[in-house]
Every structure is written in C-alpha cells, then in structure tokens.
Amino acid sequence: MNAVDKGAQRILVIKHGALGDFVLATGPFKAIRVHHLNAHIVLLTTAPFESFGRDCGYFNEIWLDSRPRLLQASAWLALRRRLSGGHFQRVYDLQTSSRSGWYFRLMKSPKPEWSGVASGCSHLHDNPDRDHMHTIDRQAEQLRHAGIDFVPQPDVEWLDAPVSDLEPSSTMAILVAGGSPQRPGKRWPADRYAALAEALLAEGMSPVLLGTEAERGVTSEIARRCEGVVDLTGRTSLAEVASLCRRAAVVVGNDTGPMHISALTGCRTIVLFSHDSDPALCAPRGAQVSVVRRERLEELAVEDVLEEVHHPR
C-alpha cells in the first residue's frame, strides 16, 4: 500500500495468529481500513504472518512482535519505546489476549484510544459472553463498540498464485490431515485418511495432501499407505493453497488453519471436529462448508466422510 501524508492519523492493529484466526480477521482488517481510509495503519504481528499481512493490502506498515518472555526486561523496554514512539491515535487489539492487554499498560500516558478487553481502555468490549461467540461475530461486535458498524465477511480473493506445476491432471480432492501437535485429539487418524484417499482414487479422483514440514510425519504415513496420493507437504505457500482449493472438487480436513482458506474460496469444504474444539466458536465459514463431528475422531468412519463428500447436507 502506498505511503500516506505525514500528518495522517496513525492506527495500530494487533493480530498475532494463529493461521485460522488470522484468516478470520481479514474482515475486520478491511473494515478498519475503510473506516480509516486515509490513515497510516500499522499491523503488529509475528513473523509467520508478515507476508500475509503485507499482501492483503490493508496496511501501510508491518511490525514484527518478538513476543518477549516475562523476564526479558530489555526486550519489554524496547517494545514499550516502539509502541509509545508510534504516536498512535487508536489501537485495535484483535488478539485480545493477556499479552496484548499488557501492551495497553506499556503505552505511555496519555494512552491512545484502544479497542479491546484491556482494563481501562477507551472502547471496551464488555460483553460477558464474548468468549462464547464465534470469532467472526465476536470481532464484529468489538468493532461496533469502537464505532465501526459494518464488518464484511473474511475474504481471501486476493490470495492467489500459479499452481500449474502442482495441480494433478485429474479432479482434485484435497486432504488436510495435519493440525496442532499440542492437540492430537483434533486429528482424524492417518489410516482413515489413507482409506479415504484409496476410495477417492477408486472414483477417479486425485487425492492431494497439503501440510507444512511440521506435519510431514502424518502426511508421509498417509502416502505410505496409499501410493496414489499426490504429496505436496512443505511445497505450498498460503497463496498456492488458496489457488489449489479453488480448483479442487472437495477439501476434507481437520479443524486447522488451511480449512478456513478453503472455505473462503467457495470450494466444497468438509471439516472434521472432535470434542477438542467447538464448531459454534471456530468453524470455517463459507458458501459450501460442512461440519462432521464426533466426540472422538477415532469414532468417525471413512464411510461417514464419503457420505458427506457424495451427499452434502
């Protein structure tokens, strides 16, 4: 985005991640930009989301947050100097964590206008049920408290890249079998994904595995069990993920970040949930999204997922 006048209003937006939450924040990002059309808007985020924040086009500047640990006094002092030296008139804390709440306390007085949940902030989102709202609804209500009445739905239309060298020749069925290693209960077992891939192959489709290097253990297990899959683990950017999803017949995956991208492309998206997360709070939203939930994902049969592929509700 082009630079603005030196005298322009300065706005700070705080959003660290994770990927799914960051994708869902694209609606609020756009709303903030439209509301402060001529402002100089800075995004404070973490390294994994630097390019995403830059490419979406809503920000004039990206600042990376080192997220100092409790006893790193010099790092906290440096962060305080940077935040206060930014001379921001308003801050939109879309992270609303205990950490970002401390950032409000770090700001020198007089403090900027602040939208969030930090005690003493000017635009407090004080709904006691905010933690029981879907992320999209919660952030829209937070921004209404700050005077932004319309928040569009999340959007990844701008997220695009050539994928001709990655795309198989036959119809794609994308499988997203990874997820947070700290929450294994959110993952459908690898042998079920392999069996699903075999069934899709038998129907003339090309199962394509997407994932990061950190998820190679599970994707390699699926590829070992089903030799016909196309394994793109560690080979795709977020823009390429979006482009592949636009070209796929269906995407099946766990409750993890790339599924939000898939849902927003308009692709048929089937998300598998366990008791470890609540779709009412965090399910991907899009034109063709289905949620399949079991108390434990080990209880979810391949036939049930295939039924959803063939006959979406």
C-alpha atoms as a PDB file:
ATOM      1  CA  MET A   1       0.000   0.000   0.000  1.00  0.00           C
ATOM      2  CA  ASN A   2       1.244   3.484  -0.822  1.00  0.00           C
ATOM      3  CA  ALA A   3       2.519   5.758   1.925  1.00  0.00           C
ATOM      4  CA  VAL A   4       0.187   8.432   3.293  1.00  0.00           C
ATOM      5  CA  ASP A   5       0.748  12.003   4.408  1.00  0.00           C
ATOM      6  CA  LYS A   6       2.974  12.529   7.434  1.00  0.00           C
ATOM      7  CA  GLY A   7       0.112  14.244   9.218  1.00  0.00           C
ATOM      8  CA  ALA A   8      -2.275  11.324   8.737  1.00  0.00           C
ATOM      9  CA  GLN A   9      -3.949   9.609  11.669  1.00  0.00           C
ATOM     10  CA  ARG A  10      -1.873   6.692  12.926  1.00  0.00           C
ATOM     11  CA  ILE A  11      -3.637   3.423  13.731  1.00  0.00           C
ATOM     12  CA  LEU A  12      -2.219   0.204  15.211  1.00  0.00           C
ATOM     13  CA  VAL A  13      -3.818  -3.211  14.684  1.00  0.00           C
ATOM     14  CA  ILE A  14      -2.616  -6.116  16.846  1.00  0.00           C
ATOM     15  CA  LYS A  15      -3.046  -9.635  15.483  1.00  0.00           C
ATOM     16  CA  HIS A  16      -0.516 -12.396  16.111  1.00  0.00           C
ATOM     17  CA  GLY A  17      -2.217 -15.556  14.802  1.00  0.00           C
ATOM     18  CA  ALA A  18      -2.782 -18.497  14.589  1.00  0.00           C
ATOM     19  CA  LEU A  19      -3.475 -19.010  10.869  1.00  0.00           C
ATOM     20  CA  GLY A  20      -7.218 -19.674  11.135  1.00  0.00           C
ATOM     21  CA  ASP A  21      -7.727 -16.699  13.439  1.00  0.00           C
ATOM     22  CA  PHE A  22      -5.618 -14.524  11.158  1.00  0.00           C
ATOM     23  CA  VAL A  23      -7.688 -15.502   8.122  1.00  0.00           C
ATOM     24  CA  LEU A  24     -10.911 -14.756  10.019  1.00  0.00           C
ATOM     25  CA  ALA A  25      -9.521 -11.312  10.890  1.00  0.00           C
ATOM     26  CA  THR A  26      -9.409 -10.245   7.223  1.00  0.00           C
ATOM     27  CA  GLY A  27     -12.966  -8.951   7.549  1.00  0.00           C
ATOM     28  CA  PRO A  28     -12.060  -6.687  10.483  1.00  0.00           C
ATOM     29  CA  PHE A  29      -8.839  -5.669   8.693  1.00  0.00           C
ATOM     30  CA  LYS A  30     -10.861  -4.405   5.743  1.00  0.00           C
ATOM     31  CA  ALA A  31     -13.419  -2.705   7.969  1.00  0.00           C
ATOM     32  CA  ILE A  32     -10.680  -0.825   9.823  1.00  0.00           C
ATOM     33  CA  ARG A  33      -9.073   0.266   6.547  1.00  0.00           C
ATOM     34  CA  VAL A  34     -12.399   1.528   5.131  1.00  0.00           C
ATOM     35  CA  HIS A  35     -13.217   3.353   8.383  1.00  0.00           C
ATOM     36  CA  HIS A  36      -9.769   4.993   8.467  1.00  0.00           C
ATOM     37  CA  LEU A  37      -9.329   5.346   4.724  1.00  0.00           C
ATOM     38  CA  ASN A  38      -6.526   7.912   4.759  1.00  0.00           C
ATOM     39  CA  ALA A  39      -4.797   6.799   7.949  1.00  0.00           C
ATOM     40  CA  HIS A  40      -1.362   5.249   8.302  1.00  0.00           C
ATOM     41  CA  ILE A  41      -2.219   1.786   9.601  1.00  0.00           C
ATOM     42  CA  VAL A  42       0.417  -0.468  11.179  1.00  0.00           C
ATOM     43  CA  LEU A  43      -0.081  -4.197  11.774  1.00  0.00           C
ATOM     44  CA  LEU A  44       1.744  -5.686  14.751  1.00  0.00           C
ATOM     45  CA  THR A  45       2.069  -9.402  14.116  1.00  0.00           C
ATOM     46  CA  THR A  46       4.514 -12.304  14.203  1.00  0.00           C
ATOM     47  CA  ALA A  47       6.928 -13.496  11.525  1.00  0.00           C
ATOM     48  CA  PRO A  48       4.731 -16.290  10.047  1.00  0.00           C
ATOM     49  CA  PHE A  49       2.098 -13.713   9.052  1.00  0.00           C
ATOM     50  CA  GLU A  50       4.332 -10.918   7.766  1.00  0.00           C
ATOM     51  CA  SER A  51       3.805 -11.634   4.069  1.00  0.00           C
ATOM     52  CA  PHE A  52       0.082 -12.365   4.565  1.00  0.00           C
ATOM     53  CA  GLY A  53      -0.355  -9.014   6.288  1.00  0.00           C
ATOM     54  CA  ARG A  54       1.572  -7.212   3.570  1.00  0.00           C
ATOM     55  CA  ASP A  55      -0.123  -8.913   0.623  1.00  0.00           C
ATOM     56  CA  CYS A  56      -3.697  -8.342   1.794  1.00  0.00           C
ATOM     57  CA  GLY A  57      -3.224  -4.629   1.118  1.00  0.00           C
ATOM     58  CA  TYR A  58      -4.888  -3.176   4.194  1.00  0.00           C
ATOM     59  CA  PHE A  59      -1.750  -1.950   5.985  1.00  0.00           C
ATOM     60  CA  ASN A  60       0.889   0.694   5.323  1.00  0.00           C
ATOM     61  CA  GLU A  61       3.444  -0.949   7.552  1.00  0.00           C
ATOM     62  CA  ILE A  62       4.096  -4.323   9.207  1.00  0.00           C
ATOM     63  CA  TRP A  63       5.828  -4.522  12.577  1.00  0.00           C
ATOM     64  CA  LEU A  64       7.060  -7.864  13.853  1.00  0.00           C
ATOM     65  CA  ASP A  65       6.492  -8.640  17.518  1.00  0.00           C
ATOM     66  CA  SER A  66       9.240 -10.662  19.182  1.00  0.00           C
ATOM     67  CA  ARG A  67       6.782 -11.580  21.947  1.00  0.00           C
ATOM     68  CA  PRO A  68       9.290 -11.143  24.801  1.00  0.00           C
ATOM     69  CA  ARG A  69       9.229 -13.557  27.682  1.00  0.00           C
ATOM     70  CA  LEU A  70       8.383 -12.473  31.190  1.00  0.00           C
ATOM     71  CA  LEU A  71      11.958 -11.864  32.409  1.00  0.00           C
ATOM     72  CA  GLN A  72      13.346 -10.287  29.226  1.00  0.00           C
ATOM     73  CA  ALA A  73      13.326  -6.783  30.689  1.00  0.00           C
ATOM     74  CA  SER A  74      15.332  -5.132  27.911  1.00  0.00           C
ATOM     75  CA  ALA A  75      13.019  -6.550  25.246  1.00  0.00           C
ATOM     76  CA  TRP A  76       9.959  -5.257  27.107  1.00  0.00           C
ATOM     77  CA  LEU A  77      11.542  -1.806  27.393  1.00  0.00           C
ATOM     78  CA  ALA A  78      12.326  -1.805  23.670  1.00  0.00           C
ATOM     79  CA  LEU A  79       8.747  -2.805  22.893  1.00  0.00           C
ATOM     80  CA  ARG A  80       7.445  -0.012  25.125  1.00  0.00           C
ATOM     81  CA  ARG A  81       9.601   2.529  23.350  1.00  0.00           C
ATOM     82  CA  ARG A  82       8.406   1.318  19.965  1.00  0.00           C
ATOM     83  CA  LEU A  83       4.714   1.258  20.873  1.00  0.00           C
ATOM     84  CA  SER A  84       4.790   4.664  22.524  1.00  0.00           C
ATOM     85  CA  GLY A  85       7.039   6.087  19.812  1.00  0.00           C
ATOM     86  CA  GLY A  86       4.491   5.061  17.193  1.00  0.00           C
ATOM     87  CA  HIS A  87       2.300   8.013  18.276  1.00  0.00           C
ATOM     88  CA  PHE A  88      -0.859   6.062  17.566  1.00  0.00           C
ATOM     89  CA  GLN A  89      -4.213   7.781  17.996  1.00  0.00           C
ATOM     90  CA  ARG A  90      -6.095   4.489  18.119  1.00  0.00           C
ATOM     91  CA  VAL A  91      -5.288   0.790  18.637  1.00  0.00           C
ATOM     92  CA  TYR A  92      -7.461  -2.143  17.573  1.00  0.00           C
ATOM     93  CA  ASP A  93      -6.431  -5.153  19.649  1.00  0.00           C
ATOM     94  CA  LEU A  94      -7.818  -8.086  17.660  1.00  0.00           C
ATOM     95  CA  GLN A  95      -5.686 -10.542  19.609  1.00  0.00           C
ATOM     96  CA  THR A  96      -7.382  -9.673  22.934  1.00  0.00           C
ATOM     97  CA  SER A  97      -5.000 -11.912  24.876  1.00  0.00           C
ATOM     98  CA  SER A  98      -3.403 -11.345  28.253  1.00  0.00           C
ATOM     99  CA  ARG A  99      -0.215 -10.429  26.361  1.00  0.00           C
ATOM    100  CA  SER A 100      -1.839  -7.781  24.186  1.00  0.00           C
ATOM    101  CA  GLY A 101      -3.598  -6.479  27.284  1.00  0.00           C
ATOM    102  CA  TRP A 102      -0.162  -5.833  28.781  1.00  0.00           C
ATOM    103  CA  TYR A 103       0.716  -3.822  25.691  1.00  0.00           C
ATOM    104  CA  PHE A 104      -2.033  -1.377  26.673  1.00  0.00           C
ATOM    105  CA  ARG A 105      -0.352  -0.990  30.054  1.00  0.00           C
ATOM    106  CA  LEU A 106       3.011  -0.439  28.371  1.00  0.00           C
ATOM    107  CA  MET A 107       1.748   2.578  26.426  1.00  0.00           C
ATOM    108  CA  LYS A 108       2.761   5.889  27.950  1.00  0.00           C
ATOM    109  CA  SER A 109       0.073   8.311  29.083  1.00  0.00           C
ATOM    110  CA  PRO A 110      -1.952   9.825  27.634  1.00  0.00           C
ATOM    111  CA  LYS A 111      -2.849   6.445  26.190  1.00  0.00           C
ATOM    112  CA  PRO A 112      -4.348   6.134  22.710  1.00  0.00           C
ATOM    113  CA  GLU A 113      -7.930   5.137  22.139  1.00  0.00           C
ATOM    114  CA  TRP A 114      -7.972   1.361  22.493  1.00  0.00           C
ATOM    115  CA  SER A 115     -10.475  -1.205  21.228  1.00  0.00           C
ATOM    116  CA  GLY A 116     -10.209  -4.485  23.107  1.00  0.00           C
ATOM    117  CA  VAL A 117     -10.639  -6.000  26.525  1.00  0.00           C
ATOM    118  CA  ALA A 118      -7.798  -4.355  28.464  1.00  0.00           C
ATOM    119  CA  SER A 119      -8.973  -2.929  31.766  1.00  0.00           C
ATOM    120  CA  GLY A 120      -9.312   0.849  31.495  1.00  0.00           C
ATOM    121  CA  CYS A 121      -9.280   1.021  27.704  1.00  0.00           C
ATOM    122  CA  SER A 122     -11.489   3.577  25.945  1.00  0.00           C
ATOM    123  CA  HIS A 123     -13.544   1.181  23.787  1.00  0.00           C
ATOM    124  CA  LEU A 124     -14.001  -1.848  25.986  1.00  0.00           C
ATOM    125  CA  HIS A 125     -15.687  -4.903  24.507  1.00  0.00           C
ATOM    126  CA  ASP A 126     -17.503  -5.712  27.720  1.00  0.00           C
ATOM    127  CA  ASN A 127     -19.883  -8.444  26.562  1.00  0.00           C
ATOM    128  CA  PRO A 128     -19.562 -11.148  29.269  1.00  0.00           C
ATOM    129  CA  ASP A 129     -20.460 -13.778  26.663  1.00  0.00           C
ATOM    130  CA  ARG A 130     -17.731 -12.769  24.199  1.00  0.00           C
ATOM    131  CA  ASP A 131     -15.815 -15.998  24.803  1.00  0.00           C
ATOM    132  CA  HIS A 132     -18.887 -17.969  23.736  1.00  0.00           C
ATOM    133  CA  MET A 133     -19.244 -16.213  20.374  1.00  0.00           C
ATOM    134  CA  HIS A 134     -17.876 -17.299  17.021  1.00  0.00           C
ATOM    135  CA  THR A 135     -14.667 -15.411  16.239  1.00  0.00           C
ATOM    136  CA  ILE A 136     -16.282 -13.557  13.322  1.00  0.00           C
ATOM    137  CA  ASP A 137     -19.260 -12.413  15.394  1.00  0.00           C
ATOM    138  CA  ARG A 138     -17.116 -11.513  18.398  1.00  0.00           C
ATOM    139  CA  GLN A 139     -14.765  -9.286  16.425  1.00  0.00           C
ATOM    140  CA  ALA A 140     -17.628  -7.623  14.549  1.00  0.00           C
ATOM    141  CA  GLU A 141     -19.254  -6.746  17.873  1.00  0.00           C
ATOM    142  CA  GLN A 142     -15.918  -5.495  19.241  1.00  0.00           C
ATOM    143  CA  LEU A 143     -15.565  -3.121  16.300  1.00  0.00           C
ATOM    144  CA  ARG A 144     -19.162  -1.911  16.687  1.00  0.00           C
ATOM    145  CA  HIS A 145     -18.229  -0.880  20.228  1.00  0.00           C
ATOM    146  CA  ALA A 146     -15.486   1.218  18.601  1.00  0.00           C
ATOM    147  CA  GLY A 147     -17.804   2.885  16.090  1.00  0.00           C
ATOM    148  CA  ILE A 148     -17.324   0.610  13.060  1.00  0.00           C
ATOM    149  CA  ASP A 149     -20.829  -0.539  12.223  1.00  0.00           C
ATOM    150  CA  PHE A 150     -20.163  -2.772   9.215  1.00  0.00           C
ATOM    151  CA  VAL A 151     -17.602  -5.586   9.168  1.00  0.00           C
ATOM    152  CA  PRO A 152     -17.512  -7.655   5.961  1.00  0.00           C
ATOM    153  CA  GLN A 153     -17.016 -11.383   5.942  1.00  0.00           C
ATOM    154  CA  PRO A 154     -13.433 -12.651   5.771  1.00  0.00           C
ATOM    155  CA  ASP A 155     -12.027 -12.599   2.268  1.00  0.00           C
ATOM    156  CA  VAL A 156      -9.065 -14.287   0.561  1.00  0.00           C
ATOM    157  CA  GLU A 157      -9.907 -13.348  -3.020  1.00  0.00           C
ATOM    158  CA  TRP A 158      -6.567 -11.538  -3.249  1.00  0.00           C
ATOM    159  CA  LEU A 159      -4.685 -14.685  -2.145  1.00  0.00           C
ATOM    160  CA  ASP A 160      -3.680 -16.324  -5.418  1.00  0.00           C
ATOM    161  CA  ALA A 161      -0.661 -17.853  -7.168  1.00  0.00           C
ATOM    162  CA  PRO A 162       0.080 -20.012 -10.232  1.00  0.00           C
ATOM    163  CA  VAL A 163      -0.194 -23.730  -9.457  1.00  0.00           C
ATOM    164  CA  SER A 164       0.052 -25.396 -12.872  1.00  0.00           C
ATOM    165  CA  ASP A 165       3.209 -27.215 -11.788  1.00  0.00           C
ATOM    166  CA  LEU A 166       1.454 -28.573  -8.667  1.00  0.00           C
ATOM    167  CA  GLU A 167      -2.007 -29.413  -9.942  1.00  0.00           C
ATOM    168  CA  PRO A 168      -2.655 -33.060 -10.968  1.00  0.00           C
ATOM    169  CA  SER A 169      -4.247 -33.817 -14.312  1.00  0.00           C
ATOM    170  CA  SER A 170      -7.423 -35.337 -12.862  1.00  0.00           C
ATOM    171  CA  THR A 171     -10.026 -33.896 -10.476  1.00  0.00           C
ATOM    172  CA  MET A 172      -8.509 -32.965  -7.116  1.00  0.00           C
ATOM    173  CA  ALA A 173      -9.703 -33.996  -3.680  1.00  0.00           C
ATOM    174  CA  ILE A 174      -7.519 -32.166  -1.158  1.00  0.00           C
ATOM    175  CA  LEU A 175      -6.789 -33.730   2.228  1.00  0.00           C
ATOM    176  CA  VAL A 176      -5.571 -31.578   5.138  1.00  0.00           C
ATOM    177  CA  ALA A 177      -4.558 -34.155   7.713  1.00  0.00           C
ATOM    178  CA  GLY A 178      -2.362 -32.049   9.990  1.00  0.00           C
ATOM    179  CA  GLY A 179      -3.036 -29.664  12.822  1.00  0.00           C
ATOM    180  CA  SER A 180      -1.580 -28.529  16.098  1.00  0.00           C
ATOM    181  CA  PRO A 181       0.746 -31.186  17.577  1.00  0.00           C
ATOM    182  CA  GLN A 182      -0.286 -29.942  21.020  1.00  0.00           C
ATOM    183  CA  ARG A 183      -3.869 -31.045  20.356  1.00  0.00           C
ATOM    184  CA  PRO A 184      -3.759 -34.541  18.833  1.00  0.00           C
ATOM    185  CA  GLY A 185      -7.446 -35.034  19.566  1.00  0.00           C
ATOM    186  CA  LYS A 186      -8.223 -32.647  16.690  1.00  0.00           C
ATOM    187  CA  ARG A 187      -6.657 -35.034  14.141  1.00  0.00           C
ATOM    188  CA  TRP A 188      -8.512 -37.804  12.311  1.00  0.00           C
ATOM    189  CA  PRO A 189      -6.162 -40.832  12.286  1.00  0.00           C
ATOM    190  CA  ALA A 190      -3.755 -41.175   9.363  1.00  0.00           C
ATOM    191  CA  ASP A 191      -5.019 -44.646   8.453  1.00  0.00           C
ATOM    192  CA  ARG A 192      -8.544 -43.206   7.949  1.00  0.00           C
ATOM    193  CA  TYR A 193      -7.199 -40.522   5.640  1.00  0.00           C
ATOM    194  CA  ALA A 194      -5.325 -43.204   3.709  1.00  0.00           C
ATOM    195  CA  ALA A 195      -8.501 -45.286   3.375  1.00  0.00           C
ATOM    196  CA  LEU A 196     -10.407 -42.185   2.252  1.00  0.00           C
ATOM    197  CA  ALA A 197      -7.702 -41.481  -0.326  1.00  0.00           C
ATOM    198  CA  GLU A 198      -7.982 -45.049  -1.653  1.00  0.00           C
ATOM    199  CA  ALA A 199     -11.748 -44.672  -2.003  1.00  0.00           C
ATOM    200  CA  LEU A 200     -11.406 -41.361  -3.829  1.00  0.00           C
ATOM    201  CA  LEU A 201      -8.795 -42.861  -6.157  1.00  0.00           C
ATOM    202  CA  ALA A 202     -11.214 -45.666  -6.996  1.00  0.00           C
ATOM    203  CA  GLU A 203     -13.726 -42.997  -8.023  1.00  0.00           C
ATOM    204  CA  GLY A 204     -11.243 -41.414 -10.439  1.00  0.00           C
ATOM    205  CA  MET A 205     -10.151 -38.508  -8.245  1.00  0.00           C
ATOM    206  CA  SER A 206      -6.597 -37.463  -7.321  1.00  0.00           C
ATOM    207  CA  PRO A 207      -6.123 -37.164  -3.535  1.00  0.00           C
ATOM    208  CA  VAL A 208      -3.699 -34.306  -2.798  1.00  0.00           C
ATOM    209  CA  LEU A 209      -2.044 -33.914   0.607  1.00  0.00           C
ATOM    210  CA  LEU A 210      -1.388 -30.396   1.882  1.00  0.00           C
ATOM    211  CA  GLY A 211       0.619 -29.621   5.001  1.00  0.00           C
ATOM    212  CA  THR A 212       3.697 -27.974   6.450  1.00  0.00           C
ATOM    213  CA  GLU A 213       7.055 -29.604   7.118  1.00  0.00           C
ATOM    214  CA  ALA A 214       5.996 -29.940  10.751  1.00  0.00           C
ATOM    215  CA  GLU A 215       3.163 -32.216   9.581  1.00  0.00           C
ATOM    216  CA  ARG A 216       5.286 -34.437   7.370  1.00  0.00           C
ATOM    217  CA  GLY A 217       5.075 -37.318   9.843  1.00  0.00           C
ATOM    218  CA  VAL A 218       1.350 -37.757   9.335  1.00  0.00           C
ATOM    219  CA  THR A 219       1.326 -36.993   5.602  1.00  0.00           C
ATOM    220  CA  SER A 220       4.189 -39.436   4.987  1.00  0.00           C
ATOM    221  CA  GLU A 221       2.215 -42.132   6.792  1.00  0.00           C
ATOM    222  CA  ILE A 222      -0.783 -41.488   4.528  1.00  0.00           C
ATOM    223  CA  ALA A 223       1.412 -41.513   1.415  1.00  0.00           C
ATOM    224  CA  ARG A 224       2.999 -44.788   2.545  1.00  0.00           C
ATOM    225  CA  ARG A 225      -0.403 -46.409   2.950  1.00  0.00           C
ATOM    226  CA  CYS A 226      -1.807 -45.011  -0.318  1.00  0.00           C
ATOM    227  CA  GLU A 227       0.738 -44.816  -3.100  1.00  0.00           C
ATOM    228  CA  GLY A 228      -1.589 -42.926  -5.440  1.00  0.00           C
ATOM    229  CA  VAL A 229      -1.742 -39.697  -3.455  1.00  0.00           C
ATOM    230  CA  VAL A 230      -0.011 -36.514  -4.589  1.00  0.00           C
ATOM    231  CA  ASP A 231       2.017 -35.341  -1.595  1.00  0.00           C
ATOM    232  CA  LEU A 232       2.600 -31.565  -1.606  1.00  0.00           C
ATOM    233  CA  THR A 233       3.714 -31.383   2.034  1.00  0.00           C
ATOM    234  CA  GLY A 234       6.034 -28.417   2.553  1.00  0.00           C
ATOM    235  CA  ARG A 235       5.734 -27.336  -1.071  1.00  0.00           C
ATOM    236  CA  THR A 236       2.908 -24.783  -0.970  1.00  0.00           C
ATOM    237  CA  SER A 237       2.633 -21.174   0.108  1.00  0.00           C
ATOM    238  CA  LEU A 238      -0.640 -19.888   1.530  1.00  0.00           C
ATOM    239  CA  ALA A 239      -1.402 -18.306  -1.847  1.00  0.00           C
ATOM    240  CA  GLU A 240      -0.848 -21.652  -3.556  1.00  0.00           C
ATOM    241  CA  VAL A 241      -3.077 -23.365  -1.006  1.00  0.00           C
ATOM    242  CA  ALA A 242      -5.873 -20.927  -1.898  1.00  0.00           C
ATOM    243  CA  SER A 243      -5.347 -21.472  -5.629  1.00  0.00           C
ATOM    244  CA  LEU A 244      -5.390 -25.257  -5.291  1.00  0.00           C
ATOM    245  CA  CYS A 245      -8.570 -25.138  -3.215  1.00  0.00           C
ATOM    246  CA  ARG A 246     -10.296 -23.045  -5.879  1.00  0.00           C
ATOM    247  CA  ARG A 247      -9.522 -25.807  -8.377  1.00  0.00           C
ATOM    248  CA  ALA A 248     -10.488 -28.756  -6.153  1.00  0.00           C
ATOM    249  CA  ALA A 249     -13.765 -30.659  -6.173  1.00  0.00           C
ATOM    250  CA  VAL A 250     -13.647 -31.047  -2.398  1.00  0.00           C
ATOM    251  CA  VAL A 251     -11.365 -30.386   0.567  1.00  0.00           C
ATOM    252  CA  VAL A 252     -11.507 -32.646   3.625  1.00  0.00           C
ATOM    253  CA  GLY A 253      -9.522 -31.815   6.730  1.00  0.00           C
ATOM    254  CA  ASN A 254      -9.209 -31.350  10.448  1.00  0.00           C
ATOM    255  CA  ASP A 255     -10.035 -28.186  12.362  1.00  0.00           C
ATOM    256  CA  THR A 256      -6.890 -26.338  11.273  1.00  0.00           C
ATOM    257  CA  GLY A 257      -5.918 -23.076   9.592  1.00  0.00           C
ATOM    258  CA  PRO A 258      -5.895 -24.024   5.877  1.00  0.00           C
ATOM    259  CA  MET A 259      -9.519 -25.151   6.133  1.00  0.00           C
ATOM    260  CA  HIS A 260     -10.537 -21.521   6.675  1.00  0.00           C
ATOM    261  CA  ILE A 261      -8.777 -20.611   3.443  1.00  0.00           C
ATOM    262  CA  SER A 262     -10.540 -23.462   1.644  1.00  0.00           C
ATOM    263  CA  ALA A 263     -13.951 -22.392   2.942  1.00  0.00           C
ATOM    264  CA  LEU A 264     -13.472 -18.809   1.790  1.00  0.00           C
ATOM    265  CA  THR A 265     -12.515 -19.840  -1.744  1.00  0.00           C
ATOM    266  CA  GLY A 266     -16.008 -21.312  -2.172  1.00  0.00           C
ATOM    267  CA  CYS A 267     -14.739 -24.880  -2.530  1.00  0.00           C
ATOM    268  CA  ARG A 268     -16.755 -27.763  -1.026  1.00  0.00           C
ATOM    269  CA  THR A 269     -15.123 -27.937   2.405  1.00  0.00           C
ATOM    270  CA  ILE A 270     -15.691 -30.726   4.930  1.00  0.00           C
ATOM    271  CA  VAL A 271     -14.231 -30.042   8.379  1.00  0.00           C
ATOM    272  CA  LEU A 272     -13.803 -32.796  10.957  1.00  0.00           C
ATOM    273  CA  PHE A 273     -14.346 -31.790  14.586  1.00  0.00           C
ATOM    274  CA  SER A 274     -13.907 -33.623  17.882  1.00  0.00           C
ATOM    275  CA  HIS A 275     -14.704 -32.565  21.453  1.00  0.00           C
ATOM    276  CA  ASP A 276     -11.362 -30.703  21.440  1.00  0.00           C
ATOM    277  CA  SER A 277     -12.906 -27.715  19.678  1.00  0.00           C
ATOM    278  CA  ASP A 278     -16.373 -26.262  19.237  1.00  0.00           C
ATOM    279  CA  PRO A 279     -17.552 -25.503  15.686  1.00  0.00           C
ATOM    280  CA  ALA A 280     -20.004 -22.965  17.107  1.00  0.00           C
ATOM    281  CA  LEU A 281     -16.983 -20.869  18.106  1.00  0.00           C
ATOM    282  CA  CYS A 282     -14.446 -21.504  15.371  1.00  0.00           C
ATOM    283  CA  ALA A 283     -15.839 -23.433  12.392  1.00  0.00           C
ATOM    284  CA  PRO A 284     -14.787 -22.171   8.959  1.00  0.00           C
ATOM    285  CA  ARG A 285     -17.494 -20.175   7.236  1.00  0.00           C
ATOM    286  CA  GLY A 286     -18.159 -20.186   3.532  1.00  0.00           C
ATOM    287  CA  ALA A 287     -20.675 -20.952   0.835  1.00  0.00           C
ATOM    288  CA  GLN A 288     -20.122 -24.723   0.892  1.00  0.00           C
ATOM    289  CA  VAL A 289     -18.936 -25.768   4.351  1.00  0.00           C
ATOM    290  CA  SER A 290     -19.987 -28.959   6.136  1.00  0.00           C
ATOM    291  CA  VAL A 291     -19.034 -29.926   9.682  1.00  0.00           C
ATOM    292  CA  VAL A 292     -18.753 -33.580  10.699  1.00  0.00           C
ATOM    293  CA  ARG A 293     -18.320 -34.034  14.440  1.00  0.00           C
ATOM    294  CA  ARG A 294     -17.698 -36.932  16.777  1.00  0.00           C
ATOM    295  CA  GLU A 295     -16.783 -36.923  20.456  1.00  0.00           C
ATOM    296  CA  ARG A 296     -13.517 -38.604  19.474  1.00  0.00           C
ATOM    297  CA  LEU A 297     -12.328 -38.570  15.868  1.00  0.00           C
ATOM    298  CA  GLU A 298     -11.279 -42.221  16.219  1.00  0.00           C
ATOM    299  CA  GLU A 299     -15.046 -42.906  16.196  1.00  0.00           C
ATOM    300  CA  LEU A 300     -15.515 -41.298  12.765  1.00  0.00           C
ATOM    301  CA  ALA A 301     -15.785 -43.897   9.999  1.00  0.00           C
ATOM    302  CA  VAL A 302     -14.452 -43.398   6.482  1.00  0.00           C
ATOM    303  CA  GLU A 303     -17.911 -44.236   5.128  1.00  0.00           C
ATOM    304  CA  ASP A 304     -19.400 -41.301   7.021  1.00  0.00           C
ATOM    305  CA  VAL A 305     -16.947 -38.877   5.443  1.00  0.00           C
ATOM    306  CA  LEU A 306     -17.535 -40.354   1.994  1.00  0.00           C
ATOM    307  CA  GLU A 307     -21.266 -39.918   2.504  1.00  0.00           C
ATOM    308  CA  GLU A 308     -20.654 -36.217   3.185  1.00  0.00           C
ATOM    309  CA  VAL A 309     -18.481 -35.978   0.056  1.00  0.00           C
ATOM    310  CA  HIS A 310     -21.214 -37.513  -2.113  1.00  0.00           C
ATOM    311  CA  HIS A 311     -24.305 -36.079  -0.417  1.00  0.00           C
ATOM    312  CA  PRO A 312     -23.550 -32.811   1.376  1.00  0.00           C
ATOM    313  CA  ARG A 313     -26.141 -31.669   3.857  1.00  0.00           C
END
